[in-house]
Amino acid sequence: MLRNLALLSVLVYTASAGIAGLRFGGLRNKCPPKPPTIETFDAAKYLGKWYEQKRIPASFQIDTSCVRAEYGTNDAGEVTVHNTATKKDGSFDEIYGTAYVPDPAHPGELKVKFPGVPVDGDYWILETDYETYSVVYSCVDYLVGLIHFEFAWILAREPKADPALVQHGVDLLASYGVQVEIMENTAQPDTCYYNNGIF
């Protein structure tokens, strides 16, 4: 009981902080079966800039455009994460974190850690060719499926990816039971700025 209360307090904190794709039973009571992730992961090839093309709406991304993730390394040898976006009012938003693989037996299942966030987030790479696209997903059930946290992102190396490539990502997610009808496009207009500079 105490364990459940502690977990619930964490969930309330994360939801109120606007950092999760919180969904209550209704849209779907539980996550779909866990999809397979890539069997090998070359972190060096994955580093660099990824532009968000499509996503399952999350509270921390409401009305954002020009979303980009940039992965690098630091002096400690960690994979660094720098997420940027433009808010509806035109202001620049960014957050820094780190990523790691908790279980070498599942190299495509990463965890992402951001300051001030009490729980490290899942980042499951379902498919990538490293050069043009990446399909990322995660979903975790809590309280026997009463609520779940669900994320999906289709990323590309270019701000405006080939629509066929994006559709491939949508079809892949759909094949694993993800509710792709709730996904939304991420605007990447020519006026986007990243790192306070163009591209």
N, C-alpha and C. Protein backbone atom coordinates (compact mmCIF):
# COMPACT_ATOMS: atom_id res chain seq x y z
N MET A 1 0.83 -1.20 0.00
CA MET A 1 0.00 0.00 0.00
C MET A 1 0.87 1.25 0.00
N LEU A 2 1.87 1.26 0.89
CA LEU A 2 2.76 2.43 0.95
C LEU A 2 3.52 2.59 -0.36
N ARG A 3 3.89 1.43 -0.95
CA ARG A 3 4.61 1.49 -2.22
C ARG A 3 3.72 2.10 -3.30
N ASN A 4 2.44 1.73 -3.34
CA ASN A 4 1.52 2.28 -4.32
C ASN A 4 1.30 3.77 -4.11
N LEU A 5 1.23 4.18 -2.85
CA LEU A 5 1.05 5.61 -2.56
C LEU A 5 2.27 6.40 -2.99
N ALA A 6 3.45 5.82 -2.76
CA ALA A 6 4.67 6.52 -3.18
C ALA A 6 4.71 6.65 -4.69
N LEU A 7 4.33 5.57 -5.38
CA LEU A 7 4.31 5.61 -6.85
C LEU A 7 3.31 6.63 -7.34
N LEU A 8 2.13 6.66 -6.73
CA LEU A 8 1.10 7.60 -7.14
C LEU A 8 1.58 9.04 -6.95
N SER A 9 2.30 9.30 -5.87
CA SER A 9 2.79 10.66 -5.64
C SER A 9 3.78 11.07 -6.71
N VAL A 10 4.59 10.13 -7.18
CA VAL A 10 5.53 10.42 -8.27
C VAL A 10 4.78 10.73 -9.55
N LEU A 11 3.72 9.94 -9.83
CA LEU A 11 2.93 10.16 -11.03
C LEU A 11 2.25 11.50 -11.01
N VAL A 12 1.68 11.87 -9.86
CA VAL A 12 1.03 13.17 -9.75
C VAL A 12 2.03 14.29 -9.96
N TYR A 13 3.23 14.11 -9.40
CA TYR A 13 4.27 15.12 -9.57
C TYR A 13 4.64 15.28 -11.03
N THR A 14 4.90 14.15 -11.71
CA THR A 14 5.33 14.23 -13.10
C THR A 14 4.23 14.78 -13.99
N ALA A 15 3.00 14.40 -13.74
CA ALA A 15 1.89 14.90 -14.55
C ALA A 15 1.71 16.40 -14.34
N SER A 16 1.78 16.84 -13.09
CA SER A 16 1.58 18.26 -12.80
C SER A 16 2.73 19.08 -13.33
N ALA A 17 3.91 18.45 -13.44
CA ALA A 17 5.07 19.17 -13.98
C ALA A 17 5.02 19.25 -15.49
N GLY A 18 4.08 18.53 -16.09
CA GLY A 18 3.91 18.60 -17.54
C GLY A 18 5.02 17.93 -18.30
N ILE A 19 5.47 16.76 -17.82
CA ILE A 19 6.60 16.12 -18.46
C ILE A 19 6.26 14.74 -19.00
N ALA A 20 4.99 14.40 -19.09
CA ALA A 20 4.69 13.05 -19.54
C ALA A 20 3.45 13.00 -20.41
N GLY A 21 3.39 11.96 -21.23
CA GLY A 21 2.22 11.71 -22.06
C GLY A 21 1.21 10.92 -21.25
N LEU A 22 0.69 11.53 -20.21
CA LEU A 22 -0.22 10.84 -19.30
C LEU A 22 -1.55 10.58 -19.96
N ARG A 23 -2.01 9.31 -19.88
CA ARG A 23 -3.31 8.94 -20.44
C ARG A 23 -4.05 8.09 -19.42
N PHE A 24 -5.29 8.45 -19.17
CA PHE A 24 -6.12 7.68 -18.27
C PHE A 24 -6.90 6.65 -19.05
N GLY A 25 -7.35 5.61 -18.36
CA GLY A 25 -8.19 4.59 -19.00
C GLY A 25 -9.36 5.25 -19.70
N GLY A 26 -9.58 4.91 -20.93
CA GLY A 26 -10.65 5.55 -21.69
C GLY A 26 -10.23 5.59 -23.14
N LEU A 27 -9.09 6.28 -23.41
CA LEU A 27 -8.52 6.19 -24.75
C LEU A 27 -8.06 4.75 -24.98
N ARG A 28 -7.46 4.19 -23.97
CA ARG A 28 -7.08 2.78 -23.97
C ARG A 28 -6.68 2.47 -22.53
N ASN A 29 -7.13 1.34 -22.02
CA ASN A 29 -6.87 1.03 -20.63
C ASN A 29 -5.42 0.70 -20.35
N LYS A 30 -4.76 0.05 -21.30
CA LYS A 30 -3.38 -0.35 -21.07
C LYS A 30 -2.54 -0.13 -22.32
N CYS A 31 -1.23 -0.20 -22.12
CA CYS A 31 -0.32 -0.11 -23.26
C CYS A 31 -0.51 -1.33 -24.16
N PRO A 32 -0.21 -1.18 -25.45
CA PRO A 32 -0.21 -2.36 -26.32
C PRO A 32 0.97 -3.25 -25.94
N PRO A 33 1.02 -4.48 -26.44
CA PRO A 33 2.19 -5.34 -26.17
C PRO A 33 3.48 -4.61 -26.54
N LYS A 34 4.50 -4.79 -25.74
CA LYS A 34 5.76 -4.08 -25.98
C LYS A 34 6.33 -4.46 -27.34
N PRO A 35 6.60 -3.48 -28.19
CA PRO A 35 7.13 -3.78 -29.53
C PRO A 35 8.60 -4.15 -29.46
N PRO A 36 9.11 -4.87 -30.45
CA PRO A 36 10.54 -5.18 -30.47
C PRO A 36 11.35 -3.93 -30.79
N THR A 37 12.54 -3.87 -30.24
CA THR A 37 13.45 -2.75 -30.49
C THR A 37 14.64 -3.25 -31.30
N ILE A 38 15.44 -2.32 -31.78
CA ILE A 38 16.58 -2.73 -32.60
C ILE A 38 17.52 -3.62 -31.79
N GLU A 39 18.11 -4.60 -32.45
CA GLU A 39 18.94 -5.59 -31.76
C GLU A 39 20.36 -5.13 -31.53
N THR A 40 20.80 -4.19 -32.34
CA THR A 40 22.13 -3.58 -32.15
C THR A 40 21.97 -2.07 -32.22
N PHE A 41 22.81 -1.36 -31.50
CA PHE A 41 22.72 0.10 -31.47
C PHE A 41 24.11 0.69 -31.55
N ASP A 42 24.34 1.47 -32.59
CA ASP A 42 25.61 2.15 -32.79
C ASP A 42 25.44 3.61 -32.36
N ALA A 43 25.81 3.88 -31.11
CA ALA A 43 25.60 5.22 -30.56
C ALA A 43 26.32 6.30 -31.37
N ALA A 44 27.52 5.99 -31.84
CA ALA A 44 28.28 6.98 -32.59
C ALA A 44 27.55 7.40 -33.86
N LYS A 45 26.90 6.44 -34.53
CA LYS A 45 26.18 6.75 -35.76
C LYS A 45 24.87 7.49 -35.47
N TYR A 46 24.35 7.31 -34.26
CA TYR A 46 23.07 7.93 -33.91
C TYR A 46 23.23 9.38 -33.46
N LEU A 47 24.45 9.76 -33.08
CA LEU A 47 24.68 11.13 -32.61
C LEU A 47 24.36 12.14 -33.71
N GLY A 48 24.11 13.37 -33.27
CA GLY A 48 23.82 14.43 -34.22
C GLY A 48 22.41 14.95 -34.07
N LYS A 49 21.92 15.59 -35.09
CA LYS A 49 20.63 16.28 -35.04
C LYS A 49 19.50 15.40 -35.60
N TRP A 50 18.38 15.40 -34.88
CA TRP A 50 17.16 14.71 -35.31
C TRP A 50 15.99 15.68 -35.20
N TYR A 51 15.25 15.82 -36.28
CA TYR A 51 14.12 16.75 -36.32
C TYR A 51 12.81 15.98 -36.20
N GLU A 52 11.98 16.40 -35.27
CA GLU A 52 10.72 15.70 -35.04
C GLU A 52 9.74 15.96 -36.19
N GLN A 53 9.15 14.88 -36.71
CA GLN A 53 8.20 14.97 -37.81
C GLN A 53 6.76 14.73 -37.35
N LYS A 54 6.58 13.80 -36.44
CA LYS A 54 5.25 13.42 -35.99
C LYS A 54 5.37 12.87 -34.57
N ARG A 55 4.29 13.04 -33.77
CA ARG A 55 4.36 12.62 -32.37
C ARG A 55 2.98 12.30 -31.82
N ILE A 56 2.96 11.50 -30.76
CA ILE A 56 1.77 11.41 -29.93
C ILE A 56 1.82 12.62 -29.02
N PRO A 57 0.75 13.43 -28.96
CA PRO A 57 0.78 14.66 -28.15
C PRO A 57 1.15 14.37 -26.69
N ALA A 58 2.06 15.15 -26.17
CA ALA A 58 2.47 15.07 -24.77
C ALA A 58 2.30 16.44 -24.13
N SER A 59 2.04 16.45 -22.86
CA SER A 59 1.73 17.72 -22.18
C SER A 59 2.86 18.73 -22.28
N PHE A 60 4.11 18.23 -22.29
CA PHE A 60 5.23 19.16 -22.34
C PHE A 60 5.51 19.67 -23.75
N GLN A 61 4.77 19.16 -24.73
CA GLN A 61 4.99 19.60 -26.11
C GLN A 61 3.78 20.30 -26.72
N ILE A 62 2.83 20.67 -25.91
CA ILE A 62 1.61 21.30 -26.42
C ILE A 62 1.96 22.59 -27.18
N ASP A 63 1.45 22.69 -28.40
CA ASP A 63 1.62 23.88 -29.23
C ASP A 63 3.09 24.23 -29.50
N THR A 64 3.95 23.22 -29.57
CA THR A 64 5.34 23.50 -29.91
C THR A 64 5.62 23.12 -31.35
N SER A 65 6.55 23.83 -31.95
CA SER A 65 6.99 23.55 -33.31
C SER A 65 8.52 23.58 -33.31
N CYS A 66 9.09 23.32 -34.48
CA CYS A 66 10.56 23.41 -34.62
C CYS A 66 11.27 22.55 -33.58
N VAL A 67 10.74 21.37 -33.34
CA VAL A 67 11.31 20.50 -32.31
C VAL A 67 12.50 19.72 -32.88
N ARG A 68 13.61 19.81 -32.15
CA ARG A 68 14.82 19.11 -32.57
C ARG A 68 15.52 18.52 -31.36
N ALA A 69 16.08 17.33 -31.54
CA ALA A 69 16.92 16.70 -30.52
C ALA A 69 18.32 16.58 -31.09
N GLU A 70 19.31 16.94 -30.29
CA GLU A 70 20.69 16.79 -30.71
C GLU A 70 21.42 15.94 -29.67
N TYR A 71 22.06 14.87 -30.16
CA TYR A 71 22.77 13.96 -29.28
C TYR A 71 24.27 14.09 -29.51
N GLY A 72 25.01 14.08 -28.41
CA GLY A 72 26.46 14.20 -28.48
C GLY A 72 27.09 13.40 -27.35
N THR A 73 28.31 13.76 -26.98
CA THR A 73 28.99 13.11 -25.87
C THR A 73 29.66 14.18 -25.01
N ASN A 74 29.87 13.86 -23.74
CA ASN A 74 30.57 14.78 -22.86
C ASN A 74 31.90 14.17 -22.41
N ASP A 75 32.62 14.89 -21.56
CA ASP A 75 33.95 14.44 -21.13
C ASP A 75 33.89 13.14 -20.32
N ALA A 76 32.71 12.87 -19.74
CA ALA A 76 32.55 11.64 -18.96
C ALA A 76 32.21 10.44 -19.84
N GLY A 77 32.08 10.68 -21.15
CA GLY A 77 31.74 9.60 -22.06
C GLY A 77 30.27 9.30 -22.14
N GLU A 78 29.43 10.16 -21.55
CA GLU A 78 27.99 9.96 -21.58
C GLU A 78 27.40 10.52 -22.88
N VAL A 79 26.27 9.96 -23.28
CA VAL A 79 25.53 10.51 -24.41
C VAL A 79 24.71 11.69 -23.90
N THR A 80 24.91 12.85 -24.49
CA THR A 80 24.19 14.04 -24.05
C THR A 80 22.96 14.27 -24.92
N VAL A 81 21.96 14.89 -24.33
CA VAL A 81 20.70 15.18 -25.00
C VAL A 81 20.43 16.67 -24.90
N HIS A 82 20.14 17.29 -26.02
CA HIS A 82 19.76 18.71 -26.03
C HIS A 82 18.50 18.85 -26.88
N ASN A 83 17.37 19.00 -26.21
CA ASN A 83 16.09 19.14 -26.90
C ASN A 83 15.71 20.61 -26.99
N THR A 84 15.29 21.04 -28.17
CA THR A 84 14.87 22.42 -28.37
C THR A 84 13.52 22.46 -29.06
N ALA A 85 12.79 23.54 -28.83
CA ALA A 85 11.48 23.73 -29.46
C ALA A 85 11.11 25.19 -29.40
N THR A 86 10.14 25.55 -30.21
CA THR A 86 9.58 26.90 -30.18
C THR A 86 8.16 26.82 -29.65
N LYS A 87 7.86 27.61 -28.63
CA LYS A 87 6.52 27.61 -28.05
C LYS A 87 5.56 28.43 -28.91
N LYS A 88 4.27 28.34 -28.57
CA LYS A 88 3.24 29.03 -29.35
C LYS A 88 3.47 30.53 -29.38
N ASP A 89 4.00 31.11 -28.28
CA ASP A 89 4.23 32.55 -28.22
C ASP A 89 5.52 32.97 -28.90
N GLY A 90 6.23 32.00 -29.50
CA GLY A 90 7.46 32.30 -30.22
C GLY A 90 8.72 32.20 -29.40
N SER A 91 8.58 31.94 -28.10
CA SER A 91 9.76 31.85 -27.25
C SER A 91 10.49 30.53 -27.46
N PHE A 92 11.78 30.56 -27.19
CA PHE A 92 12.65 29.41 -27.38
C PHE A 92 12.67 28.56 -26.12
N ASP A 93 12.55 27.25 -26.28
CA ASP A 93 12.52 26.34 -25.13
C ASP A 93 13.58 25.27 -25.33
N GLU A 94 14.30 24.93 -24.27
CA GLU A 94 15.32 23.90 -24.38
C GLU A 94 15.54 23.20 -23.05
N ILE A 95 16.05 21.98 -23.13
CA ILE A 95 16.39 21.22 -21.94
C ILE A 95 17.56 20.32 -22.26
N TYR A 96 18.43 20.12 -21.27
CA TYR A 96 19.61 19.28 -21.44
C TYR A 96 19.48 18.03 -20.57
N GLY A 97 19.99 16.92 -21.04
CA GLY A 97 19.98 15.70 -20.26
C GLY A 97 21.02 14.73 -20.76
N THR A 98 20.93 13.49 -20.29
CA THR A 98 21.84 12.44 -20.73
C THR A 98 21.03 11.18 -21.02
N ALA A 99 21.59 10.30 -21.83
CA ALA A 99 20.93 9.04 -22.18
C ALA A 99 21.89 7.88 -21.92
N TYR A 100 21.32 6.74 -21.59
CA TYR A 100 22.16 5.56 -21.32
C TYR A 100 21.36 4.29 -21.61
N VAL A 101 22.09 3.19 -21.78
CA VAL A 101 21.48 1.88 -22.01
C VAL A 101 21.58 1.09 -20.70
N PRO A 102 20.48 0.89 -19.98
CA PRO A 102 20.55 0.22 -18.67
C PRO A 102 20.84 -1.27 -18.77
N ASP A 103 20.44 -1.91 -19.88
CA ASP A 103 20.62 -3.36 -20.03
C ASP A 103 21.27 -3.64 -21.38
N PRO A 104 22.55 -4.01 -21.40
CA PRO A 104 23.24 -4.27 -22.67
C PRO A 104 22.56 -5.34 -23.52
N ALA A 105 21.74 -6.19 -22.91
CA ALA A 105 21.04 -7.23 -23.67
C ALA A 105 19.94 -6.63 -24.54
N HIS A 106 19.57 -5.38 -24.24
CA HIS A 106 18.54 -4.67 -25.02
C HIS A 106 19.09 -3.29 -25.40
N PRO A 107 20.03 -3.24 -26.33
CA PRO A 107 20.71 -1.98 -26.65
C PRO A 107 19.83 -0.90 -27.24
N GLY A 108 18.67 -1.28 -27.78
CA GLY A 108 17.77 -0.29 -28.36
C GLY A 108 16.80 0.32 -27.36
N GLU A 109 16.91 -0.07 -26.10
CA GLU A 109 16.02 0.45 -25.06
C GLU A 109 16.81 1.35 -24.12
N LEU A 110 16.77 2.63 -24.43
CA LEU A 110 17.55 3.61 -23.66
C LEU A 110 16.71 4.25 -22.57
N LYS A 111 17.39 4.86 -21.63
CA LYS A 111 16.77 5.70 -20.62
C LYS A 111 17.32 7.11 -20.80
N VAL A 112 16.47 8.10 -20.58
CA VAL A 112 16.87 9.50 -20.70
C VAL A 112 16.63 10.18 -19.37
N LYS A 113 17.65 10.88 -18.90
CA LYS A 113 17.59 11.54 -17.60
C LYS A 113 17.65 13.06 -17.79
N PHE A 114 16.66 13.77 -17.22
CA PHE A 114 16.63 15.22 -17.26
C PHE A 114 16.64 15.76 -15.83
N PRO A 115 17.30 16.90 -15.61
CA PRO A 115 17.35 17.47 -14.26
C PRO A 115 15.96 17.85 -13.76
N GLY A 116 15.69 17.54 -12.50
CA GLY A 116 14.42 17.89 -11.90
C GLY A 116 13.31 16.91 -12.16
N VAL A 117 13.57 15.89 -12.98
CA VAL A 117 12.57 14.88 -13.29
C VAL A 117 12.87 13.64 -12.44
N PRO A 118 11.94 13.21 -11.60
CA PRO A 118 12.24 12.14 -10.64
C PRO A 118 12.38 10.74 -11.25
N VAL A 119 11.88 10.56 -12.47
CA VAL A 119 11.93 9.23 -13.10
C VAL A 119 12.59 9.35 -14.47
N ASP A 120 13.56 8.50 -14.74
CA ASP A 120 14.20 8.49 -16.06
C ASP A 120 13.22 7.95 -17.10
N GLY A 121 13.15 8.61 -18.24
CA GLY A 121 12.19 8.24 -19.27
C GLY A 121 12.71 7.15 -20.20
N ASP A 122 11.78 6.34 -20.72
CA ASP A 122 12.14 5.31 -21.69
C ASP A 122 12.24 5.90 -23.09
N TYR A 123 13.16 5.38 -23.87
CA TYR A 123 13.38 5.81 -25.25
C TYR A 123 13.71 4.54 -26.03
N TRP A 124 12.65 3.92 -26.57
CA TRP A 124 12.83 2.65 -27.28
C TRP A 124 12.93 2.92 -28.78
N ILE A 125 14.03 2.56 -29.36
CA ILE A 125 14.23 2.74 -30.79
C ILE A 125 13.70 1.50 -31.51
N LEU A 126 12.59 1.66 -32.22
CA LEU A 126 11.99 0.53 -32.93
C LEU A 126 12.68 0.27 -34.26
N GLU A 127 13.11 1.35 -34.90
CA GLU A 127 13.75 1.19 -36.21
C GLU A 127 14.50 2.47 -36.56
N THR A 128 15.66 2.34 -37.14
CA THR A 128 16.42 3.49 -37.64
C THR A 128 17.43 3.02 -38.68
N ASP A 129 17.72 3.89 -39.63
CA ASP A 129 18.81 3.61 -40.56
C ASP A 129 19.99 4.54 -40.28
N TYR A 130 19.88 5.32 -39.21
CA TYR A 130 20.89 6.26 -38.73
C TYR A 130 21.07 7.47 -39.64
N GLU A 131 20.77 7.34 -40.90
CA GLU A 131 21.06 8.41 -41.87
C GLU A 131 19.85 9.25 -42.24
N THR A 132 18.64 8.69 -42.14
CA THR A 132 17.47 9.47 -42.56
C THR A 132 16.34 9.50 -41.55
N TYR A 133 16.09 8.41 -40.82
CA TYR A 133 14.91 8.38 -39.95
C TYR A 133 15.12 7.53 -38.70
N SER A 134 14.28 7.76 -37.71
CA SER A 134 14.26 6.95 -36.51
C SER A 134 12.83 6.93 -35.98
N VAL A 135 12.38 5.77 -35.53
CA VAL A 135 11.05 5.62 -34.95
C VAL A 135 11.22 5.25 -33.48
N VAL A 136 10.73 6.11 -32.60
CA VAL A 136 10.94 5.95 -31.16
C VAL A 136 9.60 5.84 -30.46
N TYR A 137 9.53 4.97 -29.47
CA TYR A 137 8.27 4.74 -28.77
C TYR A 137 8.55 4.34 -27.33
N SER A 138 7.60 4.59 -26.46
CA SER A 138 7.62 4.02 -25.12
C SER A 138 6.22 4.10 -24.53
N CYS A 139 5.90 3.13 -23.70
CA CYS A 139 4.61 3.13 -23.01
C CYS A 139 4.76 2.31 -21.74
N VAL A 140 4.32 2.89 -20.64
CA VAL A 140 4.45 2.22 -19.34
C VAL A 140 3.11 2.30 -18.61
N ASP A 141 2.64 1.15 -18.16
CA ASP A 141 1.40 1.08 -17.37
C ASP A 141 1.70 1.30 -15.89
N TYR A 142 0.78 2.00 -15.22
CA TYR A 142 0.86 2.17 -13.77
C TYR A 142 -0.50 1.87 -13.16
N LEU A 143 -0.47 1.42 -11.94
CA LEU A 143 -1.69 1.16 -11.19
C LEU A 143 -2.63 0.23 -11.94
N VAL A 144 -2.06 -0.90 -12.37
CA VAL A 144 -2.81 -1.95 -13.05
C VAL A 144 -3.54 -1.43 -14.29
N GLY A 145 -2.87 -0.54 -15.00
CA GLY A 145 -3.46 -0.04 -16.24
C GLY A 145 -4.44 1.10 -16.07
N LEU A 146 -4.61 1.58 -14.83
CA LEU A 146 -5.51 2.71 -14.62
C LEU A 146 -5.05 3.92 -15.43
N ILE A 147 -3.75 4.15 -15.44
CA ILE A 147 -3.17 5.21 -16.26
C ILE A 147 -1.91 4.66 -16.93
N HIS A 148 -1.53 5.28 -18.01
CA HIS A 148 -0.27 4.91 -18.63
C HIS A 148 0.35 6.12 -19.30
N PHE A 149 1.67 6.05 -19.43
CA PHE A 149 2.44 7.11 -20.07
C PHE A 149 2.88 6.59 -21.43
N GLU A 150 2.50 7.29 -22.48
CA GLU A 150 2.76 6.81 -23.83
C GLU A 150 3.36 7.92 -24.69
N PHE A 151 4.43 7.58 -25.37
CA PHE A 151 5.10 8.52 -26.26
C PHE A 151 5.39 7.83 -27.59
N ALA A 152 5.39 8.58 -28.66
CA ALA A 152 5.85 8.09 -29.95
C ALA A 152 6.38 9.28 -30.74
N TRP A 153 7.52 9.08 -31.36
CA TRP A 153 8.11 10.13 -32.18
C TRP A 153 8.65 9.54 -33.47
N ILE A 154 8.41 10.22 -34.56
CA ILE A 154 9.06 9.90 -35.82
C ILE A 154 10.04 11.03 -36.09
N LEU A 155 11.32 10.69 -36.17
CA LEU A 155 12.38 11.68 -36.31
C LEU A 155 13.07 11.53 -37.65
N ALA A 156 13.66 12.63 -38.13
CA ALA A 156 14.38 12.60 -39.40
C ALA A 156 15.62 13.47 -39.30
N ARG A 157 16.55 13.21 -40.16
CA ARG A 157 17.79 14.00 -40.16
C ARG A 157 17.60 15.38 -40.77
N GLU A 158 16.54 15.55 -41.53
CA GLU A 158 16.24 16.84 -42.16
C GLU A 158 14.96 17.41 -41.55
N PRO A 159 14.84 18.73 -41.50
CA PRO A 159 13.62 19.33 -40.93
C PRO A 159 12.35 18.90 -41.63
N LYS A 160 12.42 18.74 -42.95
CA LYS A 160 11.24 18.35 -43.72
C LYS A 160 11.54 17.03 -44.44
N ALA A 161 11.09 15.96 -43.82
CA ALA A 161 11.39 14.63 -44.35
C ALA A 161 10.45 14.27 -45.49
N ASP A 162 10.86 13.31 -46.28
CA ASP A 162 10.03 12.74 -47.33
C ASP A 162 8.76 12.18 -46.69
N PRO A 163 7.57 12.61 -47.14
CA PRO A 163 6.31 12.10 -46.55
C PRO A 163 6.21 10.58 -46.55
N ALA A 164 6.79 9.95 -47.53
CA ALA A 164 6.76 8.48 -47.60
C ALA A 164 7.55 7.87 -46.45
N LEU A 165 8.62 8.55 -46.07
CA LEU A 165 9.45 8.08 -44.96
C LEU A 165 8.68 8.20 -43.65
N VAL A 166 7.99 9.33 -43.48
CA VAL A 166 7.18 9.53 -42.28
C VAL A 166 6.05 8.50 -42.22
N GLN A 167 5.42 8.26 -43.35
CA GLN A 167 4.34 7.27 -43.40
C GLN A 167 4.85 5.88 -43.05
N HIS A 168 6.06 5.58 -43.44
CA HIS A 168 6.65 4.29 -43.07
C HIS A 168 6.71 4.16 -41.55
N GLY A 169 7.10 5.25 -40.88
CA GLY A 169 7.14 5.23 -39.42
C GLY A 169 5.76 5.05 -38.82
N VAL A 170 4.77 5.72 -39.39
CA VAL A 170 3.39 5.58 -38.92
C VAL A 170 2.91 4.14 -39.09
N ASP A 171 3.18 3.57 -40.25
CA ASP A 171 2.75 2.20 -40.52
C ASP A 171 3.43 1.21 -39.56
N LEU A 172 4.70 1.46 -39.26
CA LEU A 172 5.41 0.58 -38.33
C LEU A 172 4.77 0.62 -36.95
N LEU A 173 4.49 1.82 -36.45
CA LEU A 173 3.86 1.96 -35.14
C LEU A 173 2.48 1.30 -35.14
N ALA A 174 1.73 1.51 -36.20
CA ALA A 174 0.39 0.91 -36.29
C ALA A 174 0.46 -0.61 -36.26
N SER A 175 1.49 -1.16 -36.86
CA SER A 175 1.62 -2.62 -36.91
C SER A 175 1.84 -3.22 -35.53
N TYR A 176 2.28 -2.38 -34.59
CA TYR A 176 2.49 -2.84 -33.21
C TYR A 176 1.36 -2.43 -32.28
N GLY A 177 0.25 -1.98 -32.85
CA GLY A 177 -0.91 -1.67 -32.04
C GLY A 177 -0.95 -0.29 -31.45
N VAL A 178 -0.06 0.60 -31.90
CA VAL A 178 -0.06 1.98 -31.40
C VAL A 178 -1.20 2.74 -32.06
N GLN A 179 -1.88 3.57 -31.30
CA GLN A 179 -3.00 4.35 -31.83
C GLN A 179 -2.48 5.55 -32.63
N VAL A 180 -2.11 5.30 -33.85
CA VAL A 180 -1.48 6.34 -34.67
C VAL A 180 -2.45 7.45 -35.05
N GLU A 181 -3.76 7.19 -34.91
CA GLU A 181 -4.73 8.24 -35.25
C GLU A 181 -4.65 9.43 -34.30
N ILE A 182 -4.03 9.26 -33.15
CA ILE A 182 -3.91 10.39 -32.22
C ILE A 182 -2.60 11.16 -32.43
N MET A 183 -1.77 10.70 -33.36
CA MET A 183 -0.50 11.39 -33.62
C MET A 183 -0.77 12.70 -34.35
N GLU A 184 0.12 13.65 -34.16
CA GLU A 184 0.01 14.95 -34.82
C GLU A 184 1.32 15.29 -35.51
N ASN A 185 1.23 16.10 -36.57
CA ASN A 185 2.43 16.55 -37.27
C ASN A 185 3.13 17.62 -36.47
N THR A 186 4.46 17.64 -36.58
CA THR A 186 5.26 18.68 -35.94
C THR A 186 5.70 19.67 -37.01
N ALA A 187 5.29 20.90 -36.88
CA ALA A 187 5.63 21.93 -37.88
C ALA A 187 7.13 22.23 -37.84
N GLN A 188 7.73 22.27 -39.01
CA GLN A 188 9.13 22.63 -39.17
C GLN A 188 9.25 23.66 -40.30
N PRO A 189 8.68 24.87 -40.10
CA PRO A 189 8.72 25.88 -41.17
C PRO A 189 10.14 26.41 -41.40
N ASP A 190 10.31 27.11 -42.51
CA ASP A 190 11.62 27.65 -42.84
C ASP A 190 12.09 28.69 -41.82
N THR A 191 11.18 29.22 -41.03
CA THR A 191 11.52 30.24 -40.04
C THR A 191 12.03 29.64 -38.73
N CYS A 192 12.11 28.32 -38.63
CA CYS A 192 12.58 27.69 -37.40
C CYS A 192 14.00 28.14 -37.06
N TYR A 193 14.25 28.27 -35.76
CA TYR A 193 15.62 28.49 -35.31
C TYR A 193 15.92 27.49 -34.21
N TYR A 194 17.17 27.03 -34.20
CA TYR A 194 17.63 26.03 -33.24
C TYR A 194 18.94 26.54 -32.65
N ASN A 195 19.10 26.38 -31.37
CA ASN A 195 20.31 26.90 -30.70
C ASN A 195 20.46 28.40 -30.96
N ASN A 196 19.32 29.08 -31.04
CA ASN A 196 19.30 30.52 -31.30
C ASN A 196 19.95 30.89 -32.64
N GLY A 197 19.92 29.95 -33.57
CA GLY A 197 20.44 30.23 -34.90
C GLY A 197 19.68 29.37 -35.90
N ILE A 198 19.74 29.68 -37.16
CA ILE A 198 19.03 28.91 -38.16
C ILE A 198 19.71 27.54 -38.32
N PHE A 199 18.91 26.47 -38.11
CA PHE A 199 19.40 25.11 -38.23
C PHE A 199 20.62 24.88 -37.38
